[in-house]
Amino acid sequence: MHNCKNLFVKDGACMTSTSTENSSLTFMALTARADNHAFEEMKKGNI
């Protein structure tokens, strides 16, 4: 996937494993951050 441009992983696939804690908030935060980054790059015309 390193050769693919504009690829955003926005779910639990980016985590190598889950702990005993509920990771839902972490997944939501990662999604929000990826969305914000994609939006900013779209405004710049990079995507």
C-alpha atoms as a PDB file:
ATOM      1  CA  MET A   1       0.000   0.000   0.000  1.00  0.00           C
ATOM      2  CA  HIS A   2       2.977   2.353   0.304  1.00  0.00           C
ATOM      3  CA  ASN A   3       2.952   2.858  -3.476  1.00  0.00           C
ATOM      4  CA  CYS A   4      -0.714   3.924  -3.573  1.00  0.00           C
ATOM      5  CA  LYS A   5      -1.303   7.658  -3.518  1.00  0.00           C
ATOM      6  CA  ASN A   6      -4.147   9.112  -1.453  1.00  0.00           C
ATOM      7  CA  LEU A   7      -4.874   5.908   0.451  1.00  0.00           C
ATOM      8  CA  PHE A   8      -6.395   6.475   3.872  1.00  0.00           C
ATOM      9  CA  VAL A   9      -6.888   3.576   6.299  1.00  0.00           C
ATOM     10  CA  LYS A  10      -9.854   4.576   8.412  1.00  0.00           C
ATOM     11  CA  ASP A  11     -10.749   1.571  10.511  1.00  0.00           C
ATOM     12  CA  GLY A  12      -9.179  -0.962  12.834  1.00  0.00           C
ATOM     13  CA  ALA A  13      -6.921  -2.299  10.089  1.00  0.00           C
ATOM     14  CA  CYS A  14      -4.268   0.243  11.059  1.00  0.00           C
ATOM     15  CA  MET A  15      -3.990  -1.281  14.537  1.00  0.00           C
ATOM     16  CA  THR A  16      -1.689  -4.254  14.869  1.00  0.00           C
ATOM     17  CA  SER A  17      -3.760  -5.675  17.708  1.00  0.00           C
ATOM     18  CA  THR A  18      -6.344  -4.582  20.209  1.00  0.00           C
ATOM     19  CA  SER A  19      -5.829  -4.506  23.912  1.00  0.00           C
ATOM     20  CA  THR A  20      -8.320  -5.399  26.592  1.00  0.00           C
ATOM     21  CA  GLU A  21      -9.692  -1.845  26.410  1.00  0.00           C
ATOM     22  CA  ASN A  22     -12.463  -0.743  24.073  1.00  0.00           C
ATOM     23  CA  SER A  23     -10.743   0.934  21.144  1.00  0.00           C
ATOM     24  CA  SER A  24     -13.834   2.525  19.533  1.00  0.00           C
ATOM     25  CA  LEU A  25     -12.821   6.059  20.519  1.00  0.00           C
ATOM     26  CA  THR A  26      -9.358   5.527  19.069  1.00  0.00           C
ATOM     27  CA  PHE A  27     -10.854   4.362  15.771  1.00  0.00           C
ATOM     28  CA  MET A  28     -13.181   7.372  15.672  1.00  0.00           C
ATOM     29  CA  ALA A  29     -10.278   9.731  16.384  1.00  0.00           C
ATOM     30  CA  LEU A  30      -8.157   8.167  13.634  1.00  0.00           C
ATOM     31  CA  THR A  31     -11.055   8.491  11.192  1.00  0.00           C
ATOM     32  CA  ALA A  32     -11.642  12.131  12.126  1.00  0.00           C
ATOM     33  CA  ARG A  33      -7.953  12.911  11.696  1.00  0.00           C
ATOM     34  CA  ALA A  34      -7.766  11.162   8.319  1.00  0.00           C
ATOM     35  CA  ASP A  35     -10.915  12.962   7.149  1.00  0.00           C
ATOM     36  CA  ASN A  36      -9.535  16.318   8.237  1.00  0.00           C
ATOM     37  CA  HIS A  37      -6.234  15.646   6.456  1.00  0.00           C
ATOM     38  CA  ALA A  38      -8.027  14.552   3.264  1.00  0.00           C
ATOM     39  CA  PHE A  39     -10.225  17.662   3.365  1.00  0.00           C
ATOM     40  CA  GLU A  40      -7.218  19.950   3.788  1.00  0.00           C
ATOM     41  CA  GLU A  41      -5.405  18.247   0.913  1.00  0.00           C
ATOM     42  CA  MET A  42      -8.514  18.593  -1.279  1.00  0.00           C
ATOM     43  CA  LYS A  43      -8.623  22.328  -0.521  1.00  0.00           C
ATOM     44  CA  LYS A  44      -4.984  22.582  -1.642  1.00  0.00           C
ATOM     45  CA  GLY A  45      -5.767  20.650  -4.828  1.00  0.00           C
ATOM     46  CA  ASN A  46      -3.460  17.768  -3.969  1.00  0.00           C
ATOM     47  CA  ILE A  47      -6.224  15.162  -4.135  1.00  0.00           C
END
